[in-house]
Protein backbone atom coordinates (compact mmCIF):
# COMPACT_ATOMS: atom_id res chain seq x y z
CA MET A 1 0.00 0.00 0.00
CA SER A 2 2.92 2.35 0.65
CA GLN A 3 3.86 2.39 -3.04
CA PHE A 4 0.34 3.51 -4.02
CA GLU A 5 0.39 6.12 -1.25
CA GLN A 6 3.74 7.44 -2.42
CA ARG A 7 2.45 7.78 -5.98
CA ALA A 8 -0.44 9.87 -4.64
CA ASN A 9 2.09 12.06 -2.83
CA ILE A 10 4.17 12.42 -6.00
CA LYS A 11 1.03 13.53 -7.86
CA PHE A 12 0.26 16.01 -5.06
CA MET A 13 3.77 17.48 -5.11
CA CYS A 14 3.65 17.76 -8.90
CA ARG A 15 0.37 19.68 -8.72
CA LEU A 16 1.90 21.99 -6.10
CA GLY A 17 4.55 22.89 -8.66
CA LYS A 18 7.41 21.22 -6.79
CA SER A 19 10.30 19.64 -8.68
CA ALA A 20 11.01 15.94 -8.94
CA SER A 21 14.11 16.35 -6.76
CA GLU A 22 12.10 18.15 -4.06
CA THR A 23 9.53 15.37 -4.24
CA LEU A 24 12.21 12.70 -3.88
CA LEU A 25 13.67 14.41 -0.80
CA ALA A 26 10.22 14.74 0.79
CA LEU A 27 9.44 11.05 0.19
CA GLN A 28 12.80 10.00 1.63
CA GLN A 29 12.17 12.14 4.70
CA VAL A 30 8.72 10.66 5.29
CA TYR A 31 9.22 7.04 4.21
CA GLY A 32 12.92 6.54 4.94
CA ASP A 33 14.25 3.22 3.64
CA THR A 34 10.89 2.26 2.15
CA ALA A 35 10.76 5.33 -0.12
CA LEU A 36 10.55 4.70 -3.85
CA LYS A 37 13.86 4.74 -5.69
CA LYS A 38 14.95 7.88 -7.53
CA SER A 39 14.21 6.44 -10.97
CA ALA A 40 10.65 5.47 -9.95
CA VAL A 41 9.96 8.89 -8.43
CA TYR A 42 11.23 10.68 -11.54
CA ASP A 43 9.24 8.34 -13.81
CA TRP A 44 5.96 8.87 -11.92
CA PHE A 45 6.61 12.60 -11.59
CA SER A 46 7.03 12.80 -15.37
CA ARG A 47 3.83 10.82 -15.94
CA PHE A 48 1.81 13.14 -13.71
CA LYS A 49 3.41 16.23 -15.23
CA ASN A 50 2.36 14.96 -18.68
CA GLY A 51 -1.26 14.64 -17.58
CA GLN A 52 -1.62 11.08 -16.31
CA GLU A 53 -4.29 10.89 -13.61
CA LYS A 54 -4.35 7.26 -12.50
CA LEU A 55 -2.03 5.91 -9.82
CA GLU A 56 -2.11 2.29 -11.01
CA ASP A 57 0.51 0.70 -13.26
CA ASP A 58 -0.30 0.38 -16.94
CA GLN A 59 -1.68 -2.98 -18.00
CA ARG A 60 0.90 -5.27 -19.53
CA SER A 61 0.13 -7.90 -22.08
CA ARG A 62 1.92 -11.09 -21.14
CA ARG A 63 1.28 -14.74 -20.77
CA PRO A 64 -0.39 -15.69 -17.50
CA SER A 65 1.82 -17.49 -15.01
CA THR A 66 1.31 -21.24 -15.01
CA SER A 67 3.79 -21.95 -12.24
CA ARG A 68 1.90 -20.13 -9.47
CA THR A 69 -1.40 -21.91 -9.70
CA ALA A 70 -2.89 -23.66 -6.68
CA GLU A 71 -2.40 -27.05 -8.36
CA MET A 72 1.29 -26.39 -9.11
CA ILE A 73 1.98 -25.17 -5.58
CA GLU A 74 0.31 -28.28 -4.15
CA LYS A 75 2.30 -30.53 -6.49
CA VAL A 76 5.62 -28.94 -5.46
CA GLN A 77 4.71 -29.15 -1.75
CA GLN A 78 3.87 -32.85 -2.11
CA LEU A 79 7.17 -33.56 -3.88
CA ILE A 80 9.12 -31.78 -1.16
CA GLN A 81 7.28 -33.67 1.57
CA CYS A 82 8.04 -36.97 -0.15
CA ASP A 83 11.74 -36.20 -0.65
CA ARG A 84 13.18 -33.30 1.33
CA ARG A 85 16.59 -33.84 -0.32
CA MET A 86 15.22 -33.02 -3.76
CA THR A 87 17.12 -30.15 -5.36
CA ILE A 88 15.56 -27.15 -7.07
CA VAL A 89 16.79 -28.42 -10.44
CA GLU A 90 15.14 -31.80 -9.81
CA LEU A 91 11.90 -30.04 -8.80
CA GLU A 92 11.99 -27.94 -11.95
CA GLN A 93 12.42 -31.01 -14.13
CA GLU A 94 9.76 -33.00 -12.26
CA VAL A 95 6.97 -30.42 -12.54
CA GLY A 96 8.10 -28.68 -15.74
CA ILE A 97 8.70 -25.16 -14.46
CA SER A 98 11.77 -22.95 -14.46
CA HIS A 99 13.58 -21.55 -11.47
């Protein structure tokens, strides 16, 4: 949730007419180690300056993950319970997913 909150703050600072560097310093002061990285702050600042309104990431077109399904997780857990010495490479080969 902090990332979404920080984006809202970046948008707020942009509308106040602050610079991206002022915004970065303010976020670092408030959020400390959990503040967004400089590149992310500058990217979002630029988006808001160019008229973007939404705080959510743009949709990406990509293949859906097949390795994080409930069935795959259950299969991996069962394999590990049967043989706790099984290596990651052996697990990958057994269930057909990549590391």
